[in-house]
Amino acid sequence: MLVLTRRVGESIRIGDEISVRVLDIQRGQVRFAIDAPRQIPVHREEIYEQVQQENKEAAKTAKEFDAAALWKRSKGRGK
């Protein structure tokens, strides 16, 4: 883990395309701006964890889904 100290108005760069700038520090909270390409998702940690959990649950449901049985049932329809 890299630990840096930045003051208001200062930035860090992550690769060539991501910049993180400190906007404000008040009452133990830090506000910062992230400039990244649209194709790179940027989430708060708690939102990221929620999305990951929902993806795991969806994958579990997909594993339980029997695509072959559905295909066999649907072949007789619409003819």
N, C-alpha and C. Protein backbone atom coordinates (compact mmCIF):
# COMPACT_ATOMS: atom_id res chain seq x y z
N MET A 1 0.85 -1.17 0.00
CA MET A 1 0.00 0.00 0.00
C MET A 1 0.90 1.24 0.00
N LEU A 2 0.54 2.18 -0.82
CA LEU A 2 1.25 3.46 -0.89
C LEU A 2 0.48 4.48 -0.07
N VAL A 3 1.16 5.16 0.84
CA VAL A 3 0.53 6.19 1.67
C VAL A 3 1.15 7.53 1.30
N LEU A 4 0.31 8.50 0.94
CA LEU A 4 0.77 9.82 0.52
C LEU A 4 0.13 10.90 1.38
N THR A 5 0.81 12.02 1.46
CA THR A 5 0.25 13.21 2.11
C THR A 5 0.04 14.26 1.04
N ARG A 6 -1.15 14.82 0.99
CA ARG A 6 -1.49 15.86 0.02
C ARG A 6 -2.21 16.99 0.75
N ARG A 7 -2.04 18.18 0.25
CA ARG A 7 -2.74 19.35 0.77
C ARG A 7 -3.88 19.70 -0.18
N VAL A 8 -4.78 20.56 0.29
CA VAL A 8 -5.88 21.01 -0.56
C VAL A 8 -5.32 21.58 -1.85
N GLY A 9 -5.90 21.15 -2.97
CA GLY A 9 -5.46 21.60 -4.29
C GLY A 9 -4.42 20.71 -4.93
N GLU A 10 -3.79 19.84 -4.15
CA GLU A 10 -2.79 18.94 -4.70
C GLU A 10 -3.45 17.66 -5.21
N SER A 11 -2.76 16.99 -6.12
CA SER A 11 -3.31 15.80 -6.77
C SER A 11 -2.32 14.65 -6.72
N ILE A 12 -2.86 13.48 -7.03
CA ILE A 12 -2.03 12.32 -7.33
C ILE A 12 -2.50 11.79 -8.67
N ARG A 13 -1.62 11.08 -9.35
CA ARG A 13 -1.96 10.46 -10.64
C ARG A 13 -1.89 8.95 -10.48
N ILE A 14 -2.85 8.27 -11.10
CA ILE A 14 -2.85 6.82 -11.15
C ILE A 14 -2.77 6.46 -12.62
N GLY A 15 -1.62 6.00 -13.03
CA GLY A 15 -1.40 5.74 -14.45
C GLY A 15 -1.48 7.04 -15.24
N ASP A 16 -1.80 6.91 -16.52
CA ASP A 16 -1.86 8.09 -17.39
C ASP A 16 -3.23 8.74 -17.41
N GLU A 17 -4.26 8.02 -16.94
CA GLU A 17 -5.63 8.48 -17.18
C GLU A 17 -6.42 8.89 -15.95
N ILE A 18 -5.90 8.66 -14.74
CA ILE A 18 -6.68 8.94 -13.53
C ILE A 18 -5.95 9.95 -12.67
N SER A 19 -6.72 10.96 -12.23
CA SER A 19 -6.19 11.98 -11.35
C SER A 19 -7.12 12.12 -10.15
N VAL A 20 -6.53 12.23 -8.95
CA VAL A 20 -7.31 12.42 -7.72
C VAL A 20 -6.81 13.70 -7.08
N ARG A 21 -7.71 14.68 -6.91
CA ARG A 21 -7.34 15.99 -6.36
C ARG A 21 -8.07 16.22 -5.04
N VAL A 22 -7.33 16.69 -4.03
CA VAL A 22 -7.93 17.03 -2.73
C VAL A 22 -8.62 18.38 -2.88
N LEU A 23 -9.94 18.41 -2.61
CA LEU A 23 -10.70 19.64 -2.73
C LEU A 23 -10.83 20.39 -1.42
N ASP A 24 -11.05 19.64 -0.33
CA ASP A 24 -11.34 20.29 0.95
C ASP A 24 -11.10 19.31 2.08
N ILE A 25 -10.71 19.83 3.23
CA ILE A 25 -10.57 19.02 4.44
C ILE A 25 -11.24 19.79 5.56
N GLN A 26 -12.30 19.19 6.14
CA GLN A 26 -13.02 19.84 7.24
C GLN A 26 -13.53 18.80 8.21
N ARG A 27 -13.38 19.04 9.50
CA ARG A 27 -13.94 18.19 10.55
C ARG A 27 -13.67 16.70 10.33
N GLY A 28 -12.47 16.37 9.95
CA GLY A 28 -12.10 14.98 9.78
C GLY A 28 -12.57 14.35 8.49
N GLN A 29 -13.14 15.13 7.59
CA GLN A 29 -13.57 14.61 6.30
C GLN A 29 -12.74 15.22 5.19
N VAL A 30 -12.45 14.40 4.20
CA VAL A 30 -11.69 14.84 3.04
C VAL A 30 -12.60 14.76 1.82
N ARG A 31 -12.70 15.85 1.09
CA ARG A 31 -13.44 15.85 -0.18
C ARG A 31 -12.41 15.84 -1.29
N PHE A 32 -12.61 14.96 -2.25
CA PHE A 32 -11.68 14.92 -3.37
C PHE A 32 -12.43 14.68 -4.66
N ALA A 33 -11.79 15.03 -5.76
CA ALA A 33 -12.37 14.85 -7.09
C ALA A 33 -11.53 13.81 -7.84
N ILE A 34 -12.23 12.95 -8.54
CA ILE A 34 -11.57 11.90 -9.32
C ILE A 34 -11.86 12.16 -10.79
N ASP A 35 -10.83 12.30 -11.57
CA ASP A 35 -10.97 12.47 -13.02
C ASP A 35 -10.48 11.19 -13.67
N ALA A 36 -11.43 10.44 -14.26
CA ALA A 36 -11.10 9.16 -14.88
C ALA A 36 -11.95 8.99 -16.14
N PRO A 37 -11.48 8.20 -17.09
CA PRO A 37 -12.28 7.94 -18.29
C PRO A 37 -13.61 7.28 -17.91
N ARG A 38 -14.64 7.50 -18.71
CA ARG A 38 -15.96 6.96 -18.44
C ARG A 38 -15.98 5.44 -18.34
N GLN A 39 -15.11 4.76 -19.07
CA GLN A 39 -15.13 3.31 -19.08
C GLN A 39 -14.52 2.70 -17.81
N ILE A 40 -13.93 3.51 -16.95
CA ILE A 40 -13.38 3.02 -15.69
C ILE A 40 -14.39 3.32 -14.58
N PRO A 41 -14.97 2.27 -13.99
CA PRO A 41 -15.94 2.51 -12.93
C PRO A 41 -15.27 3.06 -11.67
N VAL A 42 -15.92 4.04 -11.04
CA VAL A 42 -15.42 4.62 -9.80
C VAL A 42 -16.59 4.60 -8.82
N HIS A 43 -16.40 3.89 -7.69
CA HIS A 43 -17.46 3.75 -6.70
C HIS A 43 -16.89 3.98 -5.30
N ARG A 44 -17.77 4.40 -4.38
CA ARG A 44 -17.41 4.37 -2.97
C ARG A 44 -17.26 2.90 -2.57
N GLU A 45 -16.44 2.62 -1.59
CA GLU A 45 -16.17 1.24 -1.18
C GLU A 45 -17.44 0.47 -0.86
N GLU A 46 -18.36 1.08 -0.10
CA GLU A 46 -19.57 0.36 0.29
C GLU A 46 -20.46 0.04 -0.91
N ILE A 47 -20.47 0.89 -1.91
CA ILE A 47 -21.23 0.63 -3.13
C ILE A 47 -20.56 -0.48 -3.93
N TYR A 48 -19.24 -0.44 -4.03
CA TYR A 48 -18.48 -1.48 -4.72
C TYR A 48 -18.76 -2.85 -4.10
N GLU A 49 -18.72 -2.92 -2.77
CA GLU A 49 -18.98 -4.19 -2.08
C GLU A 49 -20.40 -4.68 -2.35
N GLN A 50 -21.36 -3.76 -2.37
CA GLN A 50 -22.75 -4.14 -2.64
C GLN A 50 -22.89 -4.70 -4.06
N VAL A 51 -22.26 -4.07 -5.02
CA VAL A 51 -22.31 -4.54 -6.41
C VAL A 51 -21.67 -5.92 -6.51
N GLN A 52 -20.54 -6.12 -5.83
CA GLN A 52 -19.88 -7.42 -5.86
C GLN A 52 -20.77 -8.51 -5.27
N GLN A 53 -21.44 -8.21 -4.17
CA GLN A 53 -22.34 -9.18 -3.54
C GLN A 53 -23.50 -9.52 -4.46
N GLU A 54 -24.09 -8.50 -5.09
CA GLU A 54 -25.19 -8.73 -6.02
C GLU A 54 -24.73 -9.57 -7.22
N ASN A 55 -23.52 -9.34 -7.69
CA ASN A 55 -22.98 -10.14 -8.80
C ASN A 55 -22.80 -11.60 -8.38
N LYS A 56 -22.31 -11.83 -7.15
CA LYS A 56 -22.16 -13.20 -6.66
C LYS A 56 -23.51 -13.90 -6.58
N GLU A 57 -24.52 -13.20 -6.08
CA GLU A 57 -25.85 -13.79 -5.97
C GLU A 57 -26.44 -14.08 -7.36
N ALA A 58 -26.22 -13.19 -8.30
CA ALA A 58 -26.72 -13.41 -9.66
C ALA A 58 -26.01 -14.60 -10.31
N ALA A 59 -24.72 -14.73 -10.06
CA ALA A 59 -23.96 -15.86 -10.62
C ALA A 59 -24.44 -17.17 -10.01
N LYS A 60 -24.76 -17.16 -8.72
CA LYS A 60 -25.27 -18.35 -8.06
C LYS A 60 -26.61 -18.76 -8.67
N THR A 61 -27.48 -17.78 -8.90
CA THR A 61 -28.78 -18.04 -9.53
C THR A 61 -28.58 -18.59 -10.93
N ALA A 62 -27.63 -18.04 -11.67
CA ALA A 62 -27.36 -18.49 -13.04
C ALA A 62 -26.86 -19.93 -13.04
N LYS A 63 -26.06 -20.31 -12.06
CA LYS A 63 -25.56 -21.69 -11.99
C LYS A 63 -26.71 -22.66 -11.73
N GLU A 64 -27.68 -22.22 -10.95
CA GLU A 64 -28.82 -23.07 -10.63
C GLU A 64 -29.79 -23.17 -11.80
N PHE A 65 -29.71 -22.28 -12.73
CA PHE A 65 -30.59 -22.22 -13.89
C PHE A 65 -30.20 -23.32 -14.87
N ASP A 66 -31.14 -24.11 -15.30
CA ASP A 66 -30.88 -25.21 -16.22
C ASP A 66 -31.24 -24.78 -17.64
N ALA A 67 -30.27 -24.23 -18.36
CA ALA A 67 -30.50 -23.72 -19.70
C ALA A 67 -30.91 -24.83 -20.66
N ALA A 68 -30.35 -26.00 -20.51
CA ALA A 68 -30.68 -27.11 -21.42
C ALA A 68 -32.14 -27.51 -21.28
N ALA A 69 -32.63 -27.56 -20.05
CA ALA A 69 -34.04 -27.92 -19.85
C ALA A 69 -34.96 -26.86 -20.44
N LEU A 70 -34.60 -25.59 -20.28
CA LEU A 70 -35.41 -24.52 -20.85
C LEU A 70 -35.41 -24.62 -22.37
N TRP A 71 -34.27 -24.93 -22.97
CA TRP A 71 -34.17 -25.06 -24.41
C TRP A 71 -35.08 -26.19 -24.91
N LYS A 72 -35.04 -27.31 -24.23
CA LYS A 72 -35.86 -28.45 -24.63
C LYS A 72 -37.34 -28.10 -24.54
N ARG A 73 -37.75 -27.39 -23.47
CA ARG A 73 -39.14 -27.00 -23.33
C ARG A 73 -39.57 -26.01 -24.39
N SER A 74 -38.69 -25.10 -24.76
CA SER A 74 -39.06 -24.05 -25.71
C SER A 74 -39.03 -24.53 -27.15
N LYS A 75 -38.36 -25.64 -27.46
CA LYS A 75 -38.28 -26.13 -28.83
C LYS A 75 -39.66 -26.49 -29.39
N GLY A 76 -40.53 -26.99 -28.53
CA GLY A 76 -41.86 -27.39 -28.99
C GLY A 76 -42.81 -26.23 -29.17
N ARG A 77 -42.46 -25.06 -28.66
CA ARG A 77 -43.35 -23.89 -28.76
C ARG A 77 -43.10 -23.12 -30.03
N GLY A 78 -44.10 -22.49 -30.54
CA GLY A 78 -43.97 -21.59 -31.68
C GLY A 78 -43.88 -22.27 -33.01
N LYS A 79 -44.10 -23.57 -33.07
CA LYS A 79 -44.04 -24.28 -34.34
C LYS A 79 -45.41 -24.41 -34.94
